């Protein structure tokens, strides 16, 4: 106990003022003050320049530091990765998707747009007796990227780091979680004879990491080109959707971005026009009737829009009580 206390006091003496760009001069304890240690008899001061922590007692290299717990979490990260509301929305979407897909038979039209169709005048790929399938995006639709987003939450306004994301795709399997409801939904769909297919913009070059990540999240085994479709070029998904529709009657799709349903949503320069397209006509009727959206306030195409688009002039309110005090 005396030895531990003495070492703690020594650590306090050495580390108390280290940090930043400054240097701290600290006086060593008098000879014999710490049992088992030998110090210069004159107690001469030493310059501490790089010491940040005492070495581990076994001489092994200390683990890399992790962001301190208790750090402030931006609200969008709190919502998606920490709230019960996000759990409820996700489970609600998966319950609705399974119920809808289970009653859809391989007849009529699929929920994938034909080439040349428009959002204003949608046309759908025919099923023609093909086996049924449900198609899912991966990130923040069936996978929660908790590990890499924990890093991002420390600098939420920093630009996207593509190199870091590639490293994450390759080696982040241990730090993901399934989106609530996804594991159960995949099991129910497979039990009903509905193929589960993942269509993701994760890169084909990191296929092994993505396969490992899906398995680690409890979502099952996947094979590239069969039930896992990856990006090999531009980020649009329509070409991959067409390849899937050629083999399957797609009865349901799920994603966290509108691009998970059609690349046509990416053509709008105005977020107000994009919002209108999602809320109009036959496309507006698709939500919950073949197309199912999961929440993602952290990143993506939904986080756009200037003040005038988000708050139209005719819907603004002036508080009559302001300035009256």
Protein backbone atom coordinates (compact mmCIF):
# COMPACT_ATOMS: atom_id res chain seq x y z
CA UNK A 1 0.00 0.00 0.00
CA UNK A 2 2.83 2.41 0.91
CA UNK A 3 4.55 1.66 -2.42
CA UNK A 4 1.35 2.29 -4.42
CA UNK A 5 0.75 5.57 -2.60
CA UNK A 6 4.31 6.71 -3.20
CA UNK A 7 4.06 5.89 -6.92
CA UNK A 8 0.78 7.79 -7.15
CA UNK A 9 2.39 10.82 -5.52
CA UNK A 10 5.30 10.56 -7.94
CA UNK A 11 2.93 10.45 -10.91
CA UNK A 12 1.14 13.54 -9.67
CA UNK A 13 4.43 15.36 -9.27
CA UNK A 14 5.67 14.44 -12.74
CA UNK A 15 2.45 14.81 -14.73
CA UNK A 16 0.61 17.60 -13.01
CA UNK A 17 1.63 20.36 -15.40
CA UNK A 18 2.57 18.45 -18.60
CA UNK A 19 0.59 19.11 -21.73
CA UNK A 20 0.17 21.54 -24.55
CA UNK A 21 3.38 23.09 -25.92
CA UNK A 22 4.84 24.03 -22.53
CA UNK A 23 7.39 22.16 -20.46
CA UNK A 24 7.38 21.64 -16.77
CA UNK A 25 10.34 21.40 -14.41
CA UNK A 26 9.71 19.02 -11.51
CA UNK A 27 11.92 18.13 -8.54
CA UNK A 28 12.41 14.44 -7.84
CA UNK A 29 11.66 13.05 -4.39
CA UNK A 30 14.46 12.89 -1.86
CA UNK A 31 16.63 9.73 -1.85
CA UNK A 32 14.81 6.76 -0.37
CA UNK A 33 11.38 8.45 -0.43
CA UNK A 34 10.02 5.81 -2.83
CA UNK A 35 10.96 2.29 -1.71
CA UNK A 36 12.94 0.34 -4.28
CA UNK A 37 14.02 3.46 -6.24
CA UNK A 38 17.44 5.10 -6.32
CA UNK A 39 17.64 8.85 -6.93
CA UNK A 40 20.53 11.25 -7.32
CA UNK A 41 21.75 12.28 -3.91
CA UNK A 42 21.61 15.99 -4.73
CA UNK A 43 17.93 15.87 -5.74
CA UNK A 44 18.70 17.87 -8.86
CA UNK A 45 15.73 19.10 -10.93
CA UNK A 46 15.05 17.37 -14.29
CA UNK A 47 13.38 18.61 -17.45
CA UNK A 48 10.20 16.71 -18.38
CA UNK A 49 9.56 17.12 -22.11
CA UNK A 50 7.63 14.14 -23.52
CA UNK A 51 6.30 12.08 -20.60
CA UNK A 52 2.49 11.83 -20.76
CA UNK A 53 1.92 8.85 -18.47
CA UNK A 54 3.88 6.40 -16.36
CA UNK A 55 4.86 3.24 -18.27
CA UNK A 56 2.85 0.12 -17.52
CA UNK A 57 4.41 -1.96 -14.71
CA UNK A 58 5.27 -4.89 -16.99
CA UNK A 59 7.14 -2.69 -19.45
CA UNK A 60 4.67 -3.34 -22.27
CA UNK A 61 3.46 -0.56 -24.53
CA UNK A 62 0.33 1.16 -23.25
CA UNK A 63 -2.86 0.98 -25.29
CA UNK A 64 -3.75 3.91 -27.56
CA UNK A 65 -5.83 6.53 -25.76
CA UNK A 66 -9.57 6.55 -26.29
CA UNK A 67 -11.72 9.66 -26.18
CA UNK A 68 -12.70 10.36 -22.60
CA UNK A 69 -16.08 9.11 -21.50
CA UNK A 70 -18.30 11.98 -20.48
CA UNK A 71 -17.40 14.01 -23.57
CA UNK A 72 -20.35 15.93 -24.98
CA UNK A 73 -22.22 13.98 -27.68
CA UNK A 74 -23.83 16.05 -30.48
CA UNK A 75 -27.63 15.62 -30.48
CA UNK A 76 -27.85 13.86 -33.86
CA UNK A 77 -25.52 11.13 -32.58
CA UNK A 78 -27.44 10.94 -29.31
CA UNK A 79 -30.62 10.36 -31.29
CA UNK A 80 -29.47 7.70 -33.75
CA UNK A 81 -27.09 5.70 -31.57
CA UNK A 82 -28.47 6.31 -28.10
CA UNK A 83 -32.20 7.05 -28.07
CA UNK A 84 -35.19 4.83 -27.48
CA UNK A 85 -37.01 6.82 -30.14
CA UNK A 86 -34.58 5.63 -32.82
CA UNK A 87 -35.08 2.07 -31.61
CA UNK A 88 -38.84 2.49 -31.88
CA UNK A 89 -38.70 3.96 -35.39
CA UNK A 90 -36.37 1.25 -36.63
CA UNK A 91 -38.41 -1.60 -35.21
CA UNK A 92 -41.57 0.00 -36.53
CA UNK A 93 -40.11 0.10 -40.04
CA UNK A 94 -38.92 -3.50 -39.93
CA UNK A 95 -42.23 -4.78 -38.54
CA UNK A 96 -44.11 -3.01 -41.32
CA UNK A 97 -41.70 -4.27 -43.98
CA UNK A 98 -41.98 -7.91 -42.89
CA UNK A 99 -45.77 -7.69 -42.72
CA UNK A 100 -45.97 -6.11 -46.17
CA UNK A 101 -43.48 -8.47 -47.84
CA UNK A 102 -45.01 -11.57 -46.30
CA UNK A 103 -48.37 -10.88 -47.94
CA UNK A 104 -46.91 -9.95 -51.31
CA UNK A 105 -46.83 -12.83 -53.78
CA UNK A 106 -44.55 -13.07 -56.82
CA UNK A 107 -47.07 -11.49 -59.13
CA UNK A 108 -47.72 -8.08 -60.58
CA UNK A 109 -45.01 -5.45 -60.38
CA UNK A 110 -41.94 -5.15 -58.19
CA UNK A 111 -40.99 -2.02 -56.23
CA UNK A 112 -38.01 -1.22 -58.48
CA UNK A 113 -38.42 1.45 -61.12
CA UNK A 114 -37.89 0.51 -64.77
CA UNK A 115 -35.10 2.19 -66.72
CA UNK A 116 -36.46 5.38 -68.28
CA UNK A 117 -39.20 5.79 -65.69
CA UNK A 118 -39.55 9.10 -63.85
CA UNK A 119 -40.66 9.95 -60.35
CA UNK A 120 -43.58 11.92 -61.80
CA UNK A 121 -44.62 8.97 -63.99
CA UNK A 122 -43.18 5.85 -62.35
CA UNK A 123 -43.18 2.46 -64.06
CA UNK A 124 -42.16 -0.71 -62.30
CA UNK A 125 -40.19 -3.82 -63.17
CA UNK A 126 -42.53 -6.80 -63.69
CA UNK A 127 -42.22 -9.84 -61.44
CA UNK A 128 -43.11 -12.48 -64.06
CA UNK A 129 -43.06 -15.38 -61.60
CA UNK A 130 -39.61 -14.64 -60.19
CA UNK A 131 -38.79 -15.58 -56.57
CA UNK A 132 -39.43 -12.87 -54.02
CA UNK A 133 -36.71 -10.75 -52.45
CA UNK A 134 -36.33 -7.79 -50.12
CA UNK A 135 -33.43 -5.37 -50.74
CA UNK A 136 -31.65 -3.42 -48.01
CA UNK A 137 -29.01 -0.74 -47.80
CA UNK A 138 -26.30 -1.60 -45.25
CA UNK A 139 -25.01 1.43 -43.31
CA UNK A 140 -27.50 2.89 -40.83
CA UNK A 141 -30.19 0.68 -42.40
CA UNK A 142 -29.17 -2.73 -41.07
CA UNK A 143 -25.76 -1.80 -39.59
CA UNK A 144 -25.05 0.88 -37.00
CA UNK A 145 -21.47 2.09 -37.49
CA UNK A 146 -20.99 2.84 -33.81
CA UNK A 147 -17.20 2.68 -33.73
CA UNK A 148 -16.35 5.07 -36.55
CA UNK A 149 -19.20 7.44 -35.67
CA UNK A 150 -17.91 7.64 -32.11
CA UNK A 151 -14.78 9.17 -33.64
CA UNK A 152 -16.85 11.43 -35.91
CA UNK A 153 -18.89 12.71 -32.97
CA UNK A 154 -15.73 14.32 -31.57
CA UNK A 155 -15.55 16.57 -34.67
CA UNK A 156 -19.05 16.55 -36.19
CA UNK A 157 -18.28 19.41 -38.61
CA UNK A 158 -15.07 17.87 -39.96
CA UNK A 159 -15.10 16.82 -43.64
CA UNK A 160 -15.68 13.19 -44.51
CA UNK A 161 -12.43 11.20 -44.42
CA UNK A 162 -12.64 8.71 -47.29
CA UNK A 163 -9.40 6.96 -46.34
CA UNK A 164 -10.59 6.43 -42.78
CA UNK A 165 -13.91 5.07 -44.05
CA UNK A 166 -12.07 2.55 -46.25
CA UNK A 167 -10.10 1.39 -43.22
CA UNK A 168 -13.39 1.11 -41.35
CA UNK A 169 -14.96 -1.01 -44.10
CA UNK A 170 -11.98 -3.35 -43.95
CA UNK A 171 -11.63 -3.71 -40.20
CA UNK A 172 -14.59 -2.31 -38.26
CA UNK A 173 -16.55 -5.54 -37.75
CA UNK A 174 -16.04 -5.70 -33.99
CA UNK A 175 -17.45 -2.19 -33.42
CA UNK A 176 -20.80 -2.36 -35.24
CA UNK A 177 -24.27 -3.21 -34.00
CA UNK A 178 -27.37 -4.31 -35.89
CA UNK A 179 -30.08 -1.73 -36.37
CA UNK A 180 -32.83 -2.68 -33.89
CA UNK A 181 -35.23 -5.08 -35.60
CA UNK A 182 -32.95 -6.01 -38.49
CA UNK A 183 -31.85 -9.41 -37.19
CA UNK A 184 -35.42 -10.47 -36.48
CA UNK A 185 -36.65 -9.11 -39.81
CA UNK A 186 -33.99 -11.00 -41.78
CA UNK A 187 -34.89 -14.22 -39.98
CA UNK A 188 -38.63 -13.75 -40.61
CA UNK A 189 -38.13 -12.97 -44.30
CA UNK A 190 -35.88 -15.97 -44.84
CA UNK A 191 -38.37 -18.21 -43.04
CA UNK A 192 -41.08 -16.96 -45.42
CA UNK A 193 -38.95 -17.88 -48.44
CA UNK A 194 -38.06 -14.27 -49.27
CA UNK A 195 -34.43 -13.72 -50.25
CA UNK A 196 -32.59 -11.05 -48.26
CA UNK A 197 -30.29 -8.94 -50.43
CA UNK A 198 -27.96 -6.12 -49.38
CA UNK A 199 -27.23 -3.40 -51.95
CA UNK A 200 -24.63 -1.05 -50.48
CA UNK A 201 -22.21 1.65 -51.55
CA UNK A 202 -19.45 -0.03 -49.60
CA UNK A 203 -16.63 -0.71 -52.06
CA UNK A 204 -16.08 -4.02 -53.80
CA UNK A 205 -12.41 -3.71 -52.82
CA UNK A 206 -13.41 -4.10 -49.15
CA UNK A 207 -15.83 -6.99 -49.74
CA UNK A 208 -14.20 -9.27 -47.17
CA UNK A 209 -14.58 -6.63 -44.46
CA UNK A 210 -18.23 -6.00 -45.32
CA UNK A 211 -19.03 -9.72 -45.29
CA UNK A 212 -17.35 -10.04 -41.89
CA UNK A 213 -19.22 -6.98 -40.59
CA UNK A 214 -22.64 -8.27 -41.64
CA UNK A 215 -21.89 -11.60 -39.98
CA UNK A 216 -20.58 -9.94 -36.82
CA UNK A 217 -23.84 -7.99 -36.55
CA UNK A 218 -25.81 -11.25 -36.58
CA UNK A 219 -27.26 -10.70 -40.05
CA UNK A 220 -25.97 -13.90 -41.62
CA UNK A 221 -23.61 -14.99 -44.38
CA UNK A 222 -23.50 -13.12 -47.69
CA UNK A 223 -21.91 -13.77 -51.08
CA UNK A 224 -20.90 -11.00 -53.48
CA UNK A 225 -23.03 -11.01 -56.64
CA UNK A 226 -25.63 -13.34 -55.13
CA UNK A 227 -27.10 -11.58 -52.12
CA UNK A 228 -24.53 -8.81 -51.61
CA UNK A 229 -24.07 -6.04 -54.20
CA UNK A 230 -21.23 -3.57 -53.74
CA UNK A 231 -20.05 -0.35 -55.37
CA UNK A 232 -17.52 -0.75 -58.16
CA UNK A 233 -17.42 2.76 -59.62
CA UNK A 234 -20.01 5.54 -59.16
CA UNK A 235 -22.17 5.57 -56.06
CA UNK A 236 -25.54 5.24 -57.84
CA UNK A 237 -27.46 2.04 -57.16
CA UNK A 238 -29.87 1.82 -60.11
CA UNK A 239 -27.63 -0.46 -62.19
CA UNK A 240 -27.34 -2.88 -59.28
CA UNK A 241 -31.09 -2.68 -58.69
CA UNK A 242 -31.67 -3.66 -62.32
CA UNK A 243 -29.37 -6.67 -61.94
CA UNK A 244 -31.33 -7.74 -58.86
CA UNK A 245 -34.70 -7.17 -60.57
CA UNK A 246 -33.63 -9.37 -63.48
CA UNK A 247 -33.52 -12.34 -61.10
CA UNK A 248 -36.01 -11.48 -58.37
CA UNK A 249 -39.43 -10.02 -57.74
CA UNK A 250 -38.40 -7.32 -55.27
CA UNK A 251 -41.38 -6.86 -52.97
CA UNK A 252 -39.76 -4.44 -50.50
CA UNK A 253 -36.78 -2.10 -50.21
CA UNK A 254 -35.35 -0.33 -47.16
CA UNK A 255 -32.78 2.42 -46.74
CA UNK A 256 -31.88 5.58 -44.84
CA UNK A 257 -31.40 7.80 -47.93
CA UNK A 258 -33.73 8.42 -50.87
CA UNK A 259 -30.98 7.15 -53.16
CA UNK A 260 -31.58 3.71 -51.68
CA UNK A 261 -34.83 3.66 -53.69
CA UNK A 262 -33.95 5.51 -56.90
CA UNK A 263 -31.00 7.48 -58.24
CA UNK A 264 -33.55 9.94 -59.65
CA UNK A 265 -33.79 11.62 -56.24
CA UNK A 266 -30.21 12.80 -56.67
CA UNK A 267 -31.06 14.96 -59.68
CA UNK A 268 -32.73 17.73 -57.68
CA UNK A 269 -30.62 20.81 -57.03
CA UNK A 270 -33.17 22.11 -54.55
CA UNK A 271 -33.92 20.23 -51.34
CA UNK A 272 -37.45 21.68 -51.48
CA UNK A 273 -38.00 20.12 -54.92
CA UNK A 274 -36.58 16.82 -53.70
CA UNK A 275 -38.93 16.88 -50.74
CA UNK A 276 -41.87 17.62 -53.03
CA UNK A 277 -40.96 14.70 -55.32
CA UNK A 278 -40.91 12.32 -52.35
CA UNK A 279 -44.35 13.51 -51.28
CA UNK A 280 -46.21 13.50 -54.59
CA UNK A 281 -48.35 11.08 -56.56
CA UNK A 282 -47.49 7.40 -56.88
CA UNK A 283 -44.06 7.89 -55.32
CA UNK A 284 -45.63 9.47 -52.25
CA UNK A 285 -47.81 6.35 -51.91
CA UNK A 286 -44.80 4.02 -51.86
CA UNK A 287 -43.69 4.84 -48.32
CA UNK A 288 -44.84 1.92 -46.19
CA UNK A 289 -46.14 0.20 -49.33
CA UNK A 290 -42.94 -1.34 -50.60
CA UNK A 291 -40.45 1.40 -49.68
CA UNK A 292 -39.40 1.68 -46.03
CA UNK A 293 -37.16 4.42 -44.56
CA UNK A 294 -34.95 4.15 -41.47
CA UNK A 295 -33.89 7.25 -39.46
CA UNK A 296 -30.47 8.87 -40.03
CA UNK A 297 -29.96 12.43 -38.76
CA UNK A 298 -26.15 11.99 -38.64
CA UNK A 299 -25.10 12.16 -42.31
CA UNK A 300 -26.34 11.86 -45.87
CA UNK A 301 -28.42 13.50 -48.56
CA UNK A 302 -31.21 14.46 -46.17
CA UNK A 303 -29.04 17.00 -44.35
CA UNK A 304 -29.42 19.81 -46.87
CA UNK A 305 -31.49 22.91 -47.43
CA UNK A 306 -31.10 26.61 -46.88
CA UNK A 307 -33.16 28.61 -44.39
CA UNK A 308 -35.75 29.66 -46.97
CA UNK A 309 -36.23 26.06 -48.13
CA UNK A 310 -36.56 24.62 -44.66
CA UNK A 311 -38.69 27.49 -43.32
CA UNK A 312 -40.89 28.90 -46.13
CA UNK A 313 -41.71 32.58 -45.73
CA UNK A 314 -45.45 31.96 -45.57
CA UNK A 315 -45.02 29.57 -42.63
CA UNK A 316 -42.93 31.79 -40.36
CA UNK A 317 -44.24 33.22 -37.14
CA UNK A 318 -43.38 36.40 -35.27
CA UNK A 319 -43.71 36.10 -31.53
CA UNK A 320 -45.83 39.08 -30.39
CA UNK A 321 -44.33 38.75 -26.91
CA UNK A 322 -40.76 39.34 -28.02
CA UNK A 323 -39.51 42.84 -27.25
CA UNK A 324 -42.48 43.59 -24.98
CA UNK A 325 -40.50 43.22 -21.77
